[in-house]
């Protein structure tokens, strides 16, 4: 294990990239990304670098998706950049951070990274090959505070860890809040999470599988369906 740094954070949490998308839906094979954010936070949660995308995804945005993130088909078509260009830029910048060993934070990372994987393949790009290191505050929070009652949404986690989230379901607001939640968890549980980013990534692979198995067992006990692919992380 690495020592905790003088900021009170594990080493992996001192400089992090953050990533979030807003999309047309939830099914990985058909969902398109309509907006995205990749930013860099310093040890104090301040934004040092920010990249935003509004993407013309080539299909109409369903009303129920617009109701969540507020992006209409009309706005997307008038202001959005071409999807192939945007997806390529996303892949390139995320790869660059990972190549430097900088952890990329995404809340419920298996959603965003799976969607990005399918988008890459849709436009003929090489997807991120085993993206690593990824930092998922949802997986980590469930591991370090297993028995806390209540929801585990980003909004709930932000409230629990004292992180402001004033514009939920905006890619930039969600990405930055997720990063600050990750840093708050890192500070609170510094002794338990004092791993290099790559090692923490590998632990999350195991934790995600264990958490999914536990949830699947509960669903079976309630005679509820179990979903295939749950527990595969960070790409399903």
Protein backbone atom coordinates (compact mmCIF):
# COMPACT_ATOMS: atom_id res chain seq x y z
CA UNK A 1 0.00 0.00 0.00
CA UNK A 2 1.05 3.59 -0.58
CA UNK A 3 1.12 6.11 2.22
CA UNK A 4 -1.63 8.67 2.41
CA UNK A 5 -0.39 11.99 1.02
CA UNK A 6 -0.23 15.28 2.88
CA UNK A 7 -3.62 16.26 1.44
CA UNK A 8 -5.22 13.46 3.46
CA UNK A 9 -6.02 11.63 0.23
CA UNK A 10 -4.74 8.31 -1.08
CA UNK A 11 -2.28 8.87 -3.91
CA UNK A 12 -4.81 7.93 -6.62
CA UNK A 13 -7.19 10.71 -5.51
CA UNK A 14 -4.79 13.64 -5.72
CA UNK A 15 -5.22 14.17 -9.46
CA UNK A 16 -8.16 12.52 -11.18
CA UNK A 17 -9.90 12.71 -14.50
CA UNK A 18 -13.70 12.53 -14.44
CA UNK A 19 -16.08 11.28 -17.13
CA UNK A 20 -19.83 11.32 -17.63
CA UNK A 21 -22.29 11.05 -20.50
CA UNK A 22 -25.90 11.93 -21.18
CA UNK A 23 -27.58 9.64 -23.66
CA UNK A 24 -30.68 8.66 -25.61
CA UNK A 25 -31.51 5.68 -23.39
CA UNK A 26 -30.07 2.85 -21.33
CA UNK A 27 -29.74 -0.20 -23.63
CA UNK A 28 -26.01 -0.45 -24.53
CA UNK A 29 -26.48 -1.74 -28.06
CA UNK A 30 -28.80 1.06 -29.20
CA UNK A 31 -28.08 4.02 -26.93
CA UNK A 32 -26.22 7.03 -28.33
CA UNK A 33 -24.21 9.64 -26.47
CA UNK A 34 -25.62 13.16 -26.85
CA UNK A 35 -23.36 15.00 -24.41
CA UNK A 36 -20.21 14.20 -22.48
CA UNK A 37 -17.69 15.75 -20.15
CA UNK A 38 -14.11 14.88 -19.29
CA UNK A 39 -12.44 17.09 -16.70
CA UNK A 40 -9.42 17.03 -14.41
CA UNK A 41 -9.66 17.78 -10.69
CA UNK A 42 -6.82 18.77 -8.40
CA UNK A 43 -6.51 17.46 -4.81
CA UNK A 44 -9.00 20.08 -3.61
CA UNK A 45 -11.70 19.12 -6.09
CA UNK A 46 -11.07 22.19 -8.23
CA UNK A 47 -11.41 21.87 -12.00
CA UNK A 48 -8.02 22.27 -13.67
CA UNK A 49 -9.05 21.21 -17.18
CA UNK A 50 -12.47 20.73 -18.78
CA UNK A 51 -13.70 19.26 -22.07
CA UNK A 52 -17.37 19.27 -23.07
CA UNK A 53 -19.16 17.73 -26.03
CA UNK A 54 -22.64 18.22 -27.46
CA UNK A 55 -23.02 15.49 -30.06
CA UNK A 56 -25.33 15.10 -33.03
CA UNK A 57 -25.89 11.40 -32.49
CA UNK A 58 -27.82 10.90 -35.75
CA UNK A 59 -31.13 9.79 -34.26
CA UNK A 60 -33.96 11.57 -32.49
CA UNK A 61 -33.68 11.91 -28.74
CA UNK A 62 -36.67 10.24 -27.07
CA UNK A 63 -38.86 12.55 -25.00
CA UNK A 64 -38.17 10.56 -21.84
CA UNK A 65 -34.42 11.11 -22.30
CA UNK A 66 -34.90 14.83 -22.93
CA UNK A 67 -36.96 14.96 -19.73
CA UNK A 68 -33.90 13.71 -17.83
CA UNK A 69 -31.06 15.78 -19.30
CA UNK A 70 -32.92 18.60 -21.05
CA UNK A 71 -31.27 18.21 -24.47
CA UNK A 72 -33.78 18.27 -27.31
CA UNK A 73 -33.38 16.82 -30.78
CA UNK A 74 -33.62 20.32 -32.21
CA UNK A 75 -30.79 21.66 -30.07
CA UNK A 76 -28.65 18.61 -30.74
CA UNK A 77 -29.04 18.99 -34.50
CA UNK A 78 -28.37 22.73 -34.52
CA UNK A 79 -25.47 22.82 -32.05
CA UNK A 80 -24.07 19.28 -31.92
CA UNK A 81 -20.77 18.20 -33.44
CA UNK A 82 -20.63 15.13 -35.70
CA UNK A 83 -20.77 11.94 -33.66
CA UNK A 84 -17.72 10.21 -35.22
CA UNK A 85 -15.49 13.21 -34.49
CA UNK A 86 -16.76 13.51 -30.92
CA UNK A 87 -16.45 9.81 -30.11
CA UNK A 88 -12.91 9.75 -31.48
CA UNK A 89 -12.00 12.76 -29.33
CA UNK A 90 -13.51 11.11 -26.25
CA UNK A 91 -11.58 7.89 -26.82
CA UNK A 92 -8.36 9.81 -27.41
CA UNK A 93 -8.51 12.01 -24.33
CA UNK A 94 -9.58 9.23 -21.97
CA UNK A 95 -6.80 7.01 -23.34
CA UNK A 96 -4.27 9.78 -22.77
CA UNK A 97 -5.13 10.02 -19.08
CA UNK A 98 -5.08 6.28 -18.60
CA UNK A 99 -1.72 6.04 -20.36
CA UNK A 100 -0.39 8.45 -17.72
CA UNK A 101 -1.78 6.24 -14.95
CA UNK A 102 -4.37 8.85 -13.98
CA UNK A 103 -7.56 7.28 -12.69
CA UNK A 104 -10.72 8.16 -14.62
CA UNK A 105 -13.70 8.54 -12.30
CA UNK A 106 -17.15 7.58 -13.53
CA UNK A 107 -20.12 6.99 -11.26
CA UNK A 108 -21.61 3.60 -12.20
CA UNK A 109 -18.72 3.29 -14.63
CA UNK A 110 -20.00 0.14 -16.34
CA UNK A 111 -22.78 2.24 -17.86
CA UNK A 112 -20.67 5.03 -19.37
CA UNK A 113 -17.77 2.83 -20.44
CA UNK A 114 -20.05 0.22 -22.00
CA UNK A 115 -21.91 2.89 -23.98
CA UNK A 116 -18.58 4.37 -25.10
CA UNK A 117 -17.39 0.91 -26.12
CA UNK A 118 -20.43 0.39 -28.34
CA UNK A 119 -20.17 3.88 -29.81
CA UNK A 120 -16.52 3.25 -30.73
CA UNK A 121 -17.46 0.04 -32.52
CA UNK A 122 -20.41 1.74 -34.23
CA UNK A 123 -18.10 4.24 -35.94
CA UNK A 124 -15.29 1.81 -36.67
CA UNK A 125 -12.85 2.94 -33.98
CA UNK A 126 -10.84 0.67 -31.73
CA UNK A 127 -12.60 0.70 -28.36
CA UNK A 128 -10.65 1.31 -25.19
CA UNK A 129 -8.78 -1.95 -24.65
CA UNK A 130 -9.43 -3.00 -21.05
CA UNK A 131 -9.78 0.61 -19.80
CA UNK A 132 -7.65 1.01 -16.66
CA UNK A 133 -7.43 2.60 -14.16
CA UNK A 134 -11.11 3.41 -13.65
CA UNK A 135 -12.39 4.72 -10.33
CA UNK A 136 -16.08 4.06 -9.62
CA UNK A 137 -17.39 5.80 -6.48
CA UNK A 138 -20.53 3.63 -6.58
CA UNK A 139 -18.56 0.37 -6.31
CA UNK A 140 -16.15 1.78 -3.72
CA UNK A 141 -18.93 3.29 -1.58
CA UNK A 142 -20.77 -0.04 -1.50
CA UNK A 143 -17.55 -1.73 -0.41
CA UNK A 144 -16.45 0.62 2.36
CA UNK A 145 -19.96 1.32 3.74
CA UNK A 146 -21.82 -1.90 2.95
CA UNK A 147 -24.69 -1.59 5.37
CA UNK A 148 -25.74 2.03 4.91
CA UNK A 149 -29.44 2.18 4.16
CA UNK A 150 -30.98 4.27 1.41
CA UNK A 151 -30.32 4.94 -2.24
CA UNK A 152 -26.89 4.82 -3.83
CA UNK A 153 -27.56 7.27 -6.67
CA UNK A 154 -25.05 10.01 -7.39
CA UNK A 155 -27.42 12.53 -5.83
CA UNK A 156 -27.67 10.43 -2.66
CA UNK A 157 -23.92 9.84 -2.48
CA UNK A 158 -23.22 13.54 -3.01
CA UNK A 159 -25.57 14.44 -0.18
CA UNK A 160 -24.05 11.79 2.11
CA UNK A 161 -20.48 12.94 1.50
CA UNK A 162 -21.25 16.66 1.55
CA UNK A 163 -20.65 17.31 -2.14
CA UNK A 164 -22.69 19.97 -3.95
CA UNK A 165 -24.61 18.78 -7.00
CA UNK A 166 -26.65 21.68 -8.29
CA UNK A 167 -27.41 20.58 -11.85
CA UNK A 168 -27.96 16.81 -11.80
CA UNK A 169 -28.07 15.07 -15.19
CA UNK A 170 -25.80 17.62 -16.79
CA UNK A 171 -22.69 15.73 -17.93
CA UNK A 172 -20.25 18.28 -16.53
CA UNK A 173 -22.04 18.67 -13.20
CA UNK A 174 -22.37 14.91 -12.74
CA UNK A 175 -18.77 14.16 -13.76
CA UNK A 176 -17.31 16.78 -11.42
CA UNK A 177 -19.58 15.78 -8.54
CA UNK A 178 -18.62 12.12 -9.02
CA UNK A 179 -14.96 13.08 -8.82
CA UNK A 180 -15.51 15.04 -5.63
CA UNK A 181 -17.46 12.13 -4.14
CA UNK A 182 -14.55 9.83 -5.01
CA UNK A 183 -12.14 12.20 -3.26
CA UNK A 184 -14.45 12.48 -0.24
CA UNK A 185 -14.62 8.69 0.04
CA UNK A 186 -10.85 8.52 -0.40
CA UNK A 187 -10.29 10.99 2.42
CA UNK A 188 -12.77 9.35 4.81
CA UNK A 189 -11.47 5.85 4.16
CA UNK A 190 -7.88 6.76 3.32
CA UNK A 191 -6.33 3.90 5.28
CA UNK A 192 -8.60 1.35 3.59
CA UNK A 193 -8.09 2.73 0.07
CA UNK A 194 -4.38 3.55 0.05
CA UNK A 195 -3.67 1.61 -3.12
CA UNK A 196 -2.10 2.66 -6.42
CA UNK A 197 -4.81 3.49 -8.97
CA UNK A 198 -4.16 0.33 -10.99
CA UNK A 199 -4.44 -1.89 -7.93
CA UNK A 200 -7.63 -0.15 -6.83
CA UNK A 201 -9.02 -0.76 -10.32
CA UNK A 202 -8.32 -4.48 -10.02
CA UNK A 203 -9.96 -4.61 -6.60
CA UNK A 204 -13.07 -2.96 -8.03
CA UNK A 205 -13.33 -5.70 -10.66
CA UNK A 206 -13.63 -8.19 -7.80
CA UNK A 207 -15.90 -5.98 -5.69
CA UNK A 208 -18.28 -5.36 -8.60
CA UNK A 209 -18.63 -9.08 -9.20
CA UNK A 210 -19.22 -9.81 -5.51
CA UNK A 211 -21.76 -7.01 -5.17
CA UNK A 212 -23.65 -8.16 -8.26
CA UNK A 213 -23.71 -11.75 -7.02
CA UNK A 214 -25.07 -10.63 -3.66
CA UNK A 215 -27.78 -8.56 -5.33
CA UNK A 216 -28.65 -11.41 -7.71
CA UNK A 217 -29.04 -13.78 -4.77
CA UNK A 218 -31.40 -11.32 -3.11
CA UNK A 219 -33.45 -10.99 -6.31
CA UNK A 220 -33.70 -14.75 -6.57
CA UNK A 221 -34.91 -14.90 -2.98
CA UNK A 222 -37.68 -12.49 -3.97
CA UNK A 223 -38.53 -14.45 -7.15
CA UNK A 224 -37.37 -11.53 -9.27
CA UNK A 225 -35.49 -11.87 -12.59
CA UNK A 226 -31.70 -11.71 -12.62
CA UNK A 227 -30.00 -9.72 -15.35
CA UNK A 228 -27.10 -11.21 -17.31
CA UNK A 229 -23.96 -9.11 -17.47
CA UNK A 230 -24.37 -7.58 -14.05
CA UNK A 231 -21.04 -7.59 -12.26
CA UNK A 232 -18.94 -7.16 -15.42
CA UNK A 233 -16.92 -4.03 -14.83
CA UNK A 234 -15.97 -1.51 -16.17
CA UNK A 235 -17.24 -2.73 -19.57
CA UNK A 236 -20.09 -5.19 -19.97
